[in-house]
Amino acid sequence: MRTTLTLEDDLSRGLKERARASGKSFKEVVNETIRRGLSVGDRPPEDDEPFRVQARACGFRSGVDPLKLNQLYDEMELEDARRKIDLSVYEP
């Protein structure tokens, strides 16, 4: 089937580069690429490895004592309670 297709510049460049590197015609590369895209659908290709996050220890900022985090939380809670009490005193 013959049809006219308008490609964006980056896609056209990529397809032409792929055709040049493989020694295939532009038409063959376009058809293979579309066929591959349609066969995959919405699921990722099975040959790709799953993305994995590499965790690393970052520690705390300088001046933060991890042994006193509960104390910090208590102080913040106390400060919040004081603020609520101060606001309730001034409410009519």
N, C-alpha and C. Protein backbone atom coordinates (compact mmCIF):
# COMPACT_ATOMS: atom_id res chain seq x y z
N MET A 1 0.85 -1.18 0.00
CA MET A 1 0.00 0.00 0.00
C MET A 1 0.89 1.24 0.00
N ARG A 2 0.56 2.17 -0.79
CA ARG A 2 1.33 3.40 -0.90
C ARG A 2 0.58 4.51 -0.18
N THR A 3 1.28 5.25 0.67
CA THR A 3 0.64 6.35 1.40
C THR A 3 1.66 7.45 1.65
N THR A 4 1.18 8.64 1.93
CA THR A 4 2.06 9.77 2.26
C THR A 4 2.06 9.92 3.77
N LEU A 5 3.25 10.08 4.32
CA LEU A 5 3.41 10.18 5.77
C LEU A 5 4.30 11.37 6.08
N THR A 6 3.90 12.22 6.98
CA THR A 6 4.72 13.36 7.39
C THR A 6 5.39 13.01 8.71
N LEU A 7 6.72 12.99 8.71
CA LEU A 7 7.49 12.65 9.91
C LEU A 7 8.10 13.90 10.51
N GLU A 8 8.22 13.93 11.80
CA GLU A 8 8.92 15.02 12.46
C GLU A 8 10.41 14.85 12.16
N ASP A 9 11.14 15.98 12.19
CA ASP A 9 12.54 15.98 11.79
C ASP A 9 13.40 14.99 12.57
N ASP A 10 13.21 14.93 13.89
CA ASP A 10 14.04 14.03 14.70
C ASP A 10 13.78 12.57 14.37
N LEU A 11 12.52 12.22 14.09
CA LEU A 11 12.20 10.85 13.72
C LEU A 11 12.79 10.50 12.36
N SER A 12 12.67 11.42 11.43
CA SER A 12 13.21 11.19 10.10
C SER A 12 14.72 10.98 10.16
N ARG A 13 15.42 11.81 10.93
CA ARG A 13 16.87 11.66 11.09
C ARG A 13 17.23 10.31 11.68
N GLY A 14 16.51 9.94 12.74
CA GLY A 14 16.78 8.66 13.40
C GLY A 14 16.56 7.47 12.48
N LEU A 15 15.49 7.51 11.71
CA LEU A 15 15.20 6.41 10.78
C LEU A 15 16.23 6.35 9.66
N LYS A 16 16.63 7.50 9.16
CA LYS A 16 17.65 7.53 8.11
C LYS A 16 18.99 7.01 8.62
N GLU A 17 19.35 7.38 9.83
CA GLU A 17 20.60 6.88 10.43
C GLU A 17 20.54 5.37 10.61
N ARG A 18 19.41 4.88 11.07
CA ARG A 18 19.24 3.44 11.27
C ARG A 18 19.32 2.70 9.93
N ALA A 19 18.73 3.28 8.88
CA ALA A 19 18.78 2.66 7.55
C ALA A 19 20.21 2.64 7.03
N ARG A 20 20.92 3.73 7.20
CA ARG A 20 22.30 3.81 6.75
C ARG A 20 23.18 2.80 7.49
N ALA A 21 23.00 2.71 8.81
CA ALA A 21 23.83 1.80 9.62
C ALA A 21 23.54 0.34 9.32
N SER A 22 22.30 0.01 9.00
CA SER A 22 21.92 -1.38 8.77
C SER A 22 22.06 -1.81 7.31
N GLY A 23 22.18 -0.83 6.42
CA GLY A 23 22.27 -1.15 5.00
C GLY A 23 20.93 -1.47 4.37
N LYS A 24 19.86 -1.22 5.12
CA LYS A 24 18.51 -1.46 4.61
C LYS A 24 17.96 -0.18 4.00
N SER A 25 16.89 -0.31 3.24
CA SER A 25 16.26 0.87 2.66
C SER A 25 15.47 1.60 3.75
N PHE A 26 15.22 2.88 3.49
CA PHE A 26 14.44 3.69 4.42
C PHE A 26 13.06 3.07 4.62
N LYS A 27 12.46 2.61 3.54
CA LYS A 27 11.14 1.98 3.59
C LYS A 27 11.14 0.76 4.51
N GLU A 28 12.17 -0.08 4.40
CA GLU A 28 12.26 -1.29 5.24
C GLU A 28 12.38 -0.91 6.72
N VAL A 29 13.21 0.07 6.99
CA VAL A 29 13.42 0.49 8.39
C VAL A 29 12.13 1.08 8.96
N VAL A 30 11.43 1.90 8.19
CA VAL A 30 10.17 2.48 8.67
C VAL A 30 9.17 1.37 8.97
N ASN A 31 9.02 0.42 8.04
CA ASN A 31 8.07 -0.67 8.25
C ASN A 31 8.44 -1.53 9.46
N GLU A 32 9.72 -1.86 9.62
CA GLU A 32 10.16 -2.67 10.77
C GLU A 32 9.89 -1.93 12.08
N THR A 33 10.19 -0.65 12.08
CA THR A 33 10.02 0.14 13.31
C THR A 33 8.54 0.24 13.69
N ILE A 34 7.70 0.50 12.73
CA ILE A 34 6.26 0.57 13.01
C ILE A 34 5.74 -0.79 13.45
N ARG A 35 6.17 -1.85 12.76
CA ARG A 35 5.73 -3.20 13.10
C ARG A 35 6.16 -3.55 14.54
N ARG A 36 7.38 -3.22 14.90
CA ARG A 36 7.89 -3.50 16.25
C ARG A 36 7.08 -2.71 17.28
N GLY A 37 6.80 -1.45 16.97
CA GLY A 37 6.02 -0.62 17.89
C GLY A 37 4.61 -1.14 18.09
N LEU A 38 3.98 -1.59 17.02
CA LEU A 38 2.62 -2.12 17.12
C LEU A 38 2.58 -3.44 17.87
N SER A 39 3.62 -4.25 17.73
CA SER A 39 3.61 -5.56 18.40
C SER A 39 3.83 -5.43 19.90
N VAL A 40 4.55 -4.40 20.31
CA VAL A 40 4.81 -4.20 21.73
C VAL A 40 3.59 -3.64 22.43
N GLY A 41 2.90 -2.72 21.80
CA GLY A 41 1.72 -2.11 22.41
C GLY A 41 2.11 -1.26 23.60
N ASP A 42 1.34 -1.38 24.68
CA ASP A 42 1.58 -0.57 25.87
C ASP A 42 2.52 -1.23 26.87
N ARG A 43 2.84 -2.49 26.66
CA ARG A 43 3.73 -3.16 27.61
C ARG A 43 5.19 -2.95 27.20
N PRO A 44 6.09 -2.90 28.16
CA PRO A 44 7.51 -2.69 27.83
C PRO A 44 8.09 -3.93 27.15
N PRO A 45 9.13 -3.75 26.34
CA PRO A 45 9.76 -4.90 25.71
C PRO A 45 10.29 -5.87 26.76
N GLU A 46 10.13 -7.16 26.51
CA GLU A 46 10.52 -8.17 27.50
C GLU A 46 12.02 -8.31 27.64
N ASP A 47 12.78 -7.93 26.62
CA ASP A 47 14.23 -8.12 26.69
C ASP A 47 14.92 -7.02 27.49
N ASP A 48 14.21 -5.94 27.83
CA ASP A 48 14.79 -4.89 28.64
C ASP A 48 14.83 -5.31 30.10
N GLU A 49 15.93 -4.98 30.76
CA GLU A 49 16.02 -5.26 32.19
C GLU A 49 15.16 -4.25 32.95
N PRO A 50 14.53 -4.66 34.05
CA PRO A 50 13.73 -3.71 34.82
C PRO A 50 14.63 -2.64 35.43
N PHE A 51 14.09 -1.45 35.58
CA PHE A 51 14.83 -0.35 36.19
C PHE A 51 15.00 -0.63 37.68
N ARG A 52 16.19 -0.49 38.16
CA ARG A 52 16.47 -0.71 39.58
C ARG A 52 17.12 0.53 40.18
N VAL A 53 16.67 0.89 41.37
CA VAL A 53 17.22 2.03 42.08
C VAL A 53 18.36 1.54 42.96
N GLN A 54 19.48 2.21 42.86
CA GLN A 54 20.62 1.88 43.71
C GLN A 54 20.57 2.78 44.94
N ALA A 55 20.25 2.22 46.06
CA ALA A 55 20.16 2.99 47.30
C ALA A 55 21.56 3.26 47.83
N ARG A 56 21.73 4.40 48.47
CA ARG A 56 23.01 4.69 49.10
C ARG A 56 22.74 5.46 50.39
N ALA A 57 23.61 5.28 51.33
CA ALA A 57 23.46 5.95 52.62
C ALA A 57 23.81 7.42 52.46
N CYS A 58 22.92 8.29 52.90
CA CYS A 58 23.17 9.73 52.79
C CYS A 58 23.47 10.36 54.16
N GLY A 59 23.01 9.70 55.20
CA GLY A 59 23.25 10.24 56.53
C GLY A 59 22.42 11.47 56.82
N PHE A 60 22.69 12.11 57.94
CA PHE A 60 21.98 13.31 58.34
C PHE A 60 22.84 14.53 58.08
N ARG A 61 22.19 15.68 58.00
CA ARG A 61 22.93 16.93 57.87
C ARG A 61 23.78 17.14 59.12
N SER A 62 24.84 17.90 58.96
CA SER A 62 25.68 18.17 60.12
C SER A 62 24.86 18.94 61.15
N GLY A 63 25.05 18.60 62.39
CA GLY A 63 24.32 19.25 63.47
C GLY A 63 23.06 18.50 63.89
N VAL A 64 22.64 17.50 63.12
CA VAL A 64 21.47 16.71 63.49
C VAL A 64 21.96 15.43 64.16
N ASP A 65 21.54 15.26 65.41
CA ASP A 65 21.93 14.06 66.16
C ASP A 65 20.83 13.02 66.02
N PRO A 66 21.08 11.93 65.30
CA PRO A 66 20.03 10.93 65.09
C PRO A 66 19.54 10.29 66.38
N LEU A 67 20.32 10.39 67.44
CA LEU A 67 19.90 9.82 68.72
C LEU A 67 18.90 10.71 69.44
N LYS A 68 18.74 11.94 68.95
CA LYS A 68 17.83 12.87 69.61
C LYS A 68 16.63 13.23 68.74
N LEU A 69 16.30 12.40 67.75
CA LEU A 69 15.17 12.71 66.88
C LEU A 69 13.84 12.70 67.63
N ASN A 70 13.67 11.79 68.58
CA ASN A 70 12.44 11.77 69.38
C ASN A 70 12.31 13.04 70.20
N GLN A 71 13.43 13.51 70.72
CA GLN A 71 13.42 14.75 71.49
C GLN A 71 13.01 15.92 70.59
N LEU A 72 13.53 15.96 69.40
CA LEU A 72 13.18 17.01 68.45
C LEU A 72 11.68 16.97 68.14
N TYR A 73 11.15 15.79 67.91
CA TYR A 73 9.72 15.63 67.64
C TYR A 73 8.89 16.14 68.82
N ASP A 74 9.30 15.76 70.04
CA ASP A 74 8.58 16.21 71.24
C ASP A 74 8.59 17.73 71.34
N GLU A 75 9.75 18.35 71.05
CA GLU A 75 9.85 19.80 71.13
C GLU A 75 8.94 20.47 70.08
N MET A 76 8.88 19.89 68.90
CA MET A 76 8.01 20.45 67.86
C MET A 76 6.55 20.31 68.23
N GLU A 77 6.18 19.19 68.84
CA GLU A 77 4.80 18.98 69.27
C GLU A 77 4.43 19.98 70.36
N LEU A 78 5.35 20.20 71.29
CA LEU A 78 5.13 21.14 72.38
C LEU A 78 4.95 22.56 71.83
N GLU A 79 5.79 22.92 70.87
CA GLU A 79 5.70 24.24 70.25
C GLU A 79 4.35 24.42 69.55
N ASP A 80 3.88 23.39 68.87
CA ASP A 80 2.59 23.44 68.19
C ASP A 80 1.46 23.59 69.21
N ALA A 81 1.53 22.85 70.32
CA ALA A 81 0.49 22.93 71.36
C ALA A 81 0.46 24.33 71.96
N ARG A 82 1.63 24.92 72.21
CA ARG A 82 1.70 26.28 72.78
C ARG A 82 1.06 27.29 71.82
N ARG A 83 1.34 27.13 70.53
CA ARG A 83 0.78 28.03 69.52
C ARG A 83 -0.75 27.93 69.52
N LYS A 84 -1.28 26.72 69.65
CA LYS A 84 -2.73 26.54 69.67
C LYS A 84 -3.35 27.16 70.91
N ILE A 85 -2.66 27.02 72.03
CA ILE A 85 -3.17 27.60 73.29
C ILE A 85 -3.17 29.12 73.18
N ASP A 86 -2.07 29.71 72.64
CA ASP A 86 -1.98 31.16 72.49
C ASP A 86 -3.09 31.67 71.57
N LEU A 87 -3.40 30.95 70.52
CA LEU A 87 -4.46 31.38 69.62
C LEU A 87 -5.82 31.30 70.27
N SER A 88 -6.05 30.28 71.11
CA SER A 88 -7.36 30.14 71.73
C SER A 88 -7.60 31.21 72.79
N VAL A 89 -6.54 31.73 73.39
CA VAL A 89 -6.68 32.78 74.38
C VAL A 89 -7.18 34.07 73.73
N TYR A 90 -6.72 34.36 72.52
CA TYR A 90 -7.07 35.60 71.84
C TYR A 90 -8.35 35.53 71.04
N GLU A 91 -8.93 34.34 70.90
CA GLU A 91 -10.18 34.23 70.16
C GLU A 91 -11.35 34.72 71.01
N PRO A 92 -12.28 35.48 70.41
CA PRO A 92 -13.42 36.01 71.20
C PRO A 92 -14.44 34.96 71.52
